[in-house]
Amino acid sequence: MSVPPLTVTAPQLRPPHRYIAIEGPIGVGKTTLATLLAERWSMRTLFERPQDNPFLERFYRDTTRHALATQLNFSLQRASQTQEAADIVTSGAALMTDFLTQKSELFARLTLPDDEFQLYKDVASHIRSSGPAPDLVIYLQASPEVLFARIQKRALPMELQISDSYLRALCDAYNEFFYHYDATPLLTVNAEHLNPLASDDDLALLVERIETMRGRKEFFVKGVSV
């Protein structure tokens, strides 16, 4: 009597969380990692659209003059995306984003003088939308030197105008923000020597850490137990 061949079906890779947000300064690899993880876990994606901000290129050329318009435009964009995120999560789909809504104020505080910052907060309070909080935030961290090298390598004309001083101030602002952040579980990842796009092993290491994370605040450094 012949025995029918055994059919092995690959297990479904279910997302470890319903809603994951990835954050970090420009050049750190947020969108790349978000895309890889979303594909792995079959999650919907919602990404920032800097190309839709008509003031951004002018902001990088003249930060002081164009900061307010740039930040208000991003606030409008994020208000719309917050509602979109709420619709996706409410529908029962798992969601991956490459931004955290609170970053709007982080950038505004970094780039605006006190009087314009107050104006920004007043306007933003009227356009801000409420939405679901992420179940996990992943903060990708790297030094200004590493970020500057990555920005130069990908050579996007708009990004090449970013000054070294702005990039350093941005890194400091992110580190300060996430040092005090306690709104959701947070995984801080040192992204300087981690390359999940080029290395399946690196991606596997990070995936394992995300899937086994149990604490509210944890740190991941490749090759080091933290």
Protein backbone atom coordinates (compact mmCIF):
# COMPACT_ATOMS: atom_id res chain seq x y z
CA MET A 1 0.00 0.00 0.00
CA SER A 2 1.51 3.29 -1.06
CA VAL A 3 1.64 6.18 1.36
CA PRO A 4 0.76 9.61 -0.06
CA PRO A 5 3.61 12.10 0.12
CA LEU A 6 3.65 14.34 3.16
CA THR A 7 2.82 17.94 2.35
CA VAL A 8 4.54 20.45 4.58
CA THR A 9 3.02 23.91 4.72
CA ALA A 10 5.14 26.81 5.92
CA PRO A 11 3.75 28.32 9.08
CA GLN A 12 2.08 31.69 8.73
CA LEU A 13 4.32 34.46 9.95
CA ARG A 14 2.02 36.43 12.17
CA PRO A 15 3.03 39.92 13.31
CA PRO A 16 4.03 40.07 16.97
CA HIS A 17 2.07 43.32 17.36
CA ARG A 18 -0.96 44.89 15.75
CA TYR A 19 0.72 48.27 15.22
CA ILE A 20 4.47 48.93 15.06
CA ALA A 21 6.08 52.33 14.46
CA ILE A 22 9.73 52.75 13.49
CA GLU A 23 11.46 56.04 14.24
CA GLY A 24 14.85 57.68 14.03
CA PRO A 25 16.74 60.52 12.34
CA ILE A 26 17.11 60.93 8.61
CA GLY A 27 19.36 58.34 6.97
CA VAL A 28 19.05 55.73 9.70
CA GLY A 29 16.98 53.27 7.62
CA LYS A 30 13.43 53.60 8.96
CA THR A 31 11.57 53.02 5.71
CA THR A 32 13.85 50.19 4.59
CA LEU A 33 13.39 48.29 7.84
CA ALA A 34 9.67 49.00 7.97
CA THR A 35 9.29 47.59 4.45
CA LEU A 36 11.24 44.42 5.26
CA LEU A 37 9.33 43.73 8.48
CA ALA A 38 5.96 44.51 6.92
CA GLU A 39 6.67 42.07 4.09
CA ARG A 40 7.74 39.39 6.55
CA TRP A 41 4.62 39.70 8.69
CA SER A 42 2.15 40.69 5.93
CA MET A 43 1.38 44.05 7.52
CA ARG A 44 -0.10 47.13 5.91
CA THR A 45 2.30 50.05 5.60
CA LEU A 46 1.87 53.78 6.07
CA PHE A 47 4.95 55.87 5.31
CA GLU A 48 5.90 59.52 5.59
CA ARG A 49 5.71 61.48 2.34
CA PRO A 50 8.43 64.13 2.53
CA GLN A 51 8.24 64.51 -1.24
CA ASP A 52 4.72 65.92 -0.78
CA ASN A 53 5.95 68.80 1.39
CA PRO A 54 6.59 71.73 -0.98
CA PHE A 55 8.61 73.62 1.66
CA LEU A 56 11.09 70.88 2.58
CA GLU A 57 13.73 71.55 -0.06
CA ARG A 58 13.66 75.27 0.79
CA PHE A 59 13.91 74.36 4.48
CA TYR A 60 17.17 72.49 3.94
CA ARG A 61 18.56 75.50 2.06
CA ASP A 62 17.40 78.08 4.61
CA THR A 63 16.24 76.45 7.85
CA THR A 64 15.32 79.62 9.72
CA ARG A 65 13.18 81.15 6.98
CA HIS A 66 11.15 78.08 6.02
CA ALA A 67 10.91 76.08 9.25
CA LEU A 68 7.41 77.17 10.29
CA ALA A 69 5.80 76.47 6.92
CA THR A 70 7.60 73.12 6.70
CA GLN A 71 6.47 71.95 10.14
CA LEU A 72 2.87 73.09 9.66
CA ASN A 73 2.70 71.22 6.36
CA PHE A 74 3.99 68.06 8.04
CA SER A 75 1.43 68.48 10.82
CA LEU A 76 -1.36 68.56 8.24
CA GLN A 77 0.08 65.45 6.59
CA ARG A 78 0.34 63.58 9.89
CA ALA A 79 -3.17 64.54 10.94
CA SER A 80 -4.43 62.90 7.76
CA GLN A 81 -2.20 59.86 8.24
CA THR A 82 -3.27 59.47 11.87
CA GLN A 83 -6.85 59.07 10.69
CA GLU A 84 -5.70 56.63 8.01
CA ALA A 85 -3.82 54.61 10.65
CA ALA A 86 -6.93 54.53 12.82
CA ASP A 87 -8.99 53.22 9.89
CA ILE A 88 -6.45 50.47 9.15
CA VAL A 89 -6.18 49.30 12.76
CA THR A 90 -9.95 49.46 13.25
CA SER A 91 -10.41 47.25 10.19
CA GLY A 92 -8.40 44.53 11.95
CA ALA A 93 -5.30 44.78 9.74
CA ALA A 94 -1.79 44.93 11.23
CA LEU A 95 0.04 48.18 10.53
CA MET A 96 3.69 49.19 10.13
CA THR A 97 4.68 52.88 9.93
CA ASP A 98 7.99 54.70 9.57
CA PHE A 99 7.00 57.61 11.79
CA LEU A 100 5.59 58.47 15.18
CA THR A 101 3.05 61.29 15.35
CA GLN A 102 4.84 62.98 18.25
CA LYS A 103 7.86 63.68 16.04
CA SER A 104 6.08 66.76 14.67
CA GLU A 105 6.62 68.66 17.89
CA LEU A 106 10.17 67.32 18.22
CA PHE A 107 11.11 68.89 14.88
CA ALA A 108 9.20 72.09 15.61
CA ARG A 109 10.95 72.54 18.95
CA LEU A 110 14.31 71.94 17.25
CA THR A 111 13.82 74.38 14.37
CA LEU A 112 11.54 77.20 15.58
CA PRO A 113 12.21 80.18 17.86
CA ASP A 114 10.01 80.41 20.95
CA ASP A 115 7.36 82.71 19.49
CA GLU A 116 6.95 80.66 16.31
CA PHE A 117 6.97 77.44 18.30
CA GLN A 118 4.05 78.73 20.37
CA LEU A 119 2.22 79.69 17.17
CA TYR A 120 2.96 76.23 15.77
CA LYS A 121 1.51 74.54 18.88
CA ASP A 122 -1.61 76.70 18.75
CA VAL A 123 -2.26 75.87 15.11
CA ALA A 124 -1.28 72.20 15.45
CA SER A 125 -3.71 71.74 18.35
CA HIS A 126 -6.59 72.58 15.99
CA ILE A 127 -5.55 70.20 13.21
CA ARG A 128 -4.26 67.32 15.30
CA SER A 129 -6.19 64.04 15.00
CA SER A 130 -6.36 61.39 17.69
CA GLY A 131 -5.48 57.85 16.74
CA PRO A 132 -4.34 54.52 18.14
CA ALA A 133 -1.03 54.32 19.96
CA PRO A 134 1.51 51.84 18.57
CA ASP A 135 1.90 48.56 20.43
CA LEU A 136 5.66 48.89 19.91
CA VAL A 137 7.98 51.71 18.87
CA ILE A 138 11.38 50.81 17.42
CA TYR A 139 13.91 53.64 17.68
CA LEU A 140 16.82 53.28 15.27
CA GLN A 141 19.86 55.08 16.64
CA ALA A 142 23.13 55.99 14.89
CA SER A 143 25.86 58.61 15.20
CA PRO A 144 25.79 61.79 13.08
CA GLU A 145 28.93 60.59 11.28
CA VAL A 146 27.25 57.35 10.18
CA LEU A 147 24.09 59.15 9.13
CA PHE A 148 26.02 61.76 7.16
CA ALA A 149 27.89 59.00 5.28
CA ARG A 150 24.62 57.24 4.43
CA ILE A 151 23.02 60.47 3.26
CA GLN A 152 26.01 61.16 1.02
CA LYS A 153 25.90 57.61 -0.35
CA ARG A 154 22.25 57.69 -1.40
CA ALA A 155 22.85 61.18 -2.84
CA LEU A 156 19.31 62.55 -2.94
CA PRO A 157 19.71 66.18 -4.04
CA MET A 158 17.42 67.58 -1.34
CA GLU A 159 19.18 65.66 1.46
CA LEU A 160 22.66 66.69 0.31
CA GLN A 161 21.82 70.20 1.52
CA ILE A 162 21.50 69.05 5.15
CA SER A 163 24.18 70.65 7.29
CA ASP A 164 26.37 68.79 9.73
CA SER A 165 25.22 71.03 12.57
CA TYR A 166 21.55 70.34 11.84
CA LEU A 167 22.15 66.59 11.70
CA ARG A 168 23.97 66.65 15.05
CA ALA A 169 21.21 68.71 16.65
CA LEU A 170 18.62 66.30 15.25
CA CYS A 171 20.40 63.28 16.73
CA ASP A 172 20.59 65.00 20.11
CA ALA A 173 16.88 65.86 19.93
CA TYR A 174 15.93 62.25 19.12
CA ASN A 175 18.10 60.87 21.92
CA GLU A 176 16.59 63.31 24.40
CA PHE A 177 13.05 62.55 23.23
CA PHE A 178 13.38 58.79 23.53
CA TYR A 179 15.31 58.99 26.79
CA HIS A 180 12.11 60.35 28.35
CA TYR A 181 9.63 58.46 26.15
CA ASP A 182 7.31 56.13 28.05
CA ALA A 183 4.02 56.26 26.13
CA THR A 184 4.43 52.76 24.66
CA PRO A 185 6.88 49.84 24.79
CA LEU A 186 10.15 50.93 23.19
CA LEU A 187 12.96 48.96 21.57
CA THR A 188 16.05 51.07 20.93
CA VAL A 189 18.24 49.56 18.21
CA ASN A 190 21.83 50.56 17.50
CA ALA A 191 21.71 50.68 13.71
CA GLU A 192 25.35 51.53 13.02
CA HIS A 193 26.51 47.95 12.44
CA LEU A 194 23.14 46.39 11.65
CA ASN A 195 22.25 46.02 7.97
CA PRO A 196 19.02 44.02 7.62
CA LEU A 197 18.70 44.98 3.95
CA ALA A 198 22.03 43.38 3.00
CA SER A 199 22.20 40.67 5.66
CA ASP A 200 19.57 38.01 6.30
CA ASP A 201 21.39 37.17 9.52
CA ASP A 202 21.05 40.75 10.77
CA LEU A 203 17.36 40.75 9.91
CA ALA A 204 16.87 37.44 11.70
CA LEU A 205 18.62 38.75 14.82
CA LEU A 206 16.39 41.81 14.96
CA VAL A 207 13.22 39.85 14.25
CA GLU A 208 14.03 37.46 17.09
CA ARG A 209 14.57 40.38 19.47
CA ILE A 210 11.27 41.98 18.48
CA GLU A 211 9.35 38.72 18.82
CA THR A 212 10.83 37.85 22.22
CA MET A 213 10.76 41.33 23.76
CA ARG A 214 8.99 41.29 27.12
CA GLY A 215 10.15 44.44 28.91
CA ARG A 216 8.73 47.90 28.39
CA LYS A 217 12.11 49.38 27.44
CA GLU A 218 14.86 47.31 25.86
CA PHE A 219 18.06 47.94 23.89
CA PHE A 220 19.48 45.92 21.02
CA VAL A 221 23.10 46.17 19.96
CA LYS A 222 24.36 43.59 17.48
CA GLY A 223 26.62 41.10 19.25
CA VAL A 224 25.89 42.50 22.73
CA SER A 225 23.27 41.46 25.25
CA VAL A 226 21.68 44.57 26.75
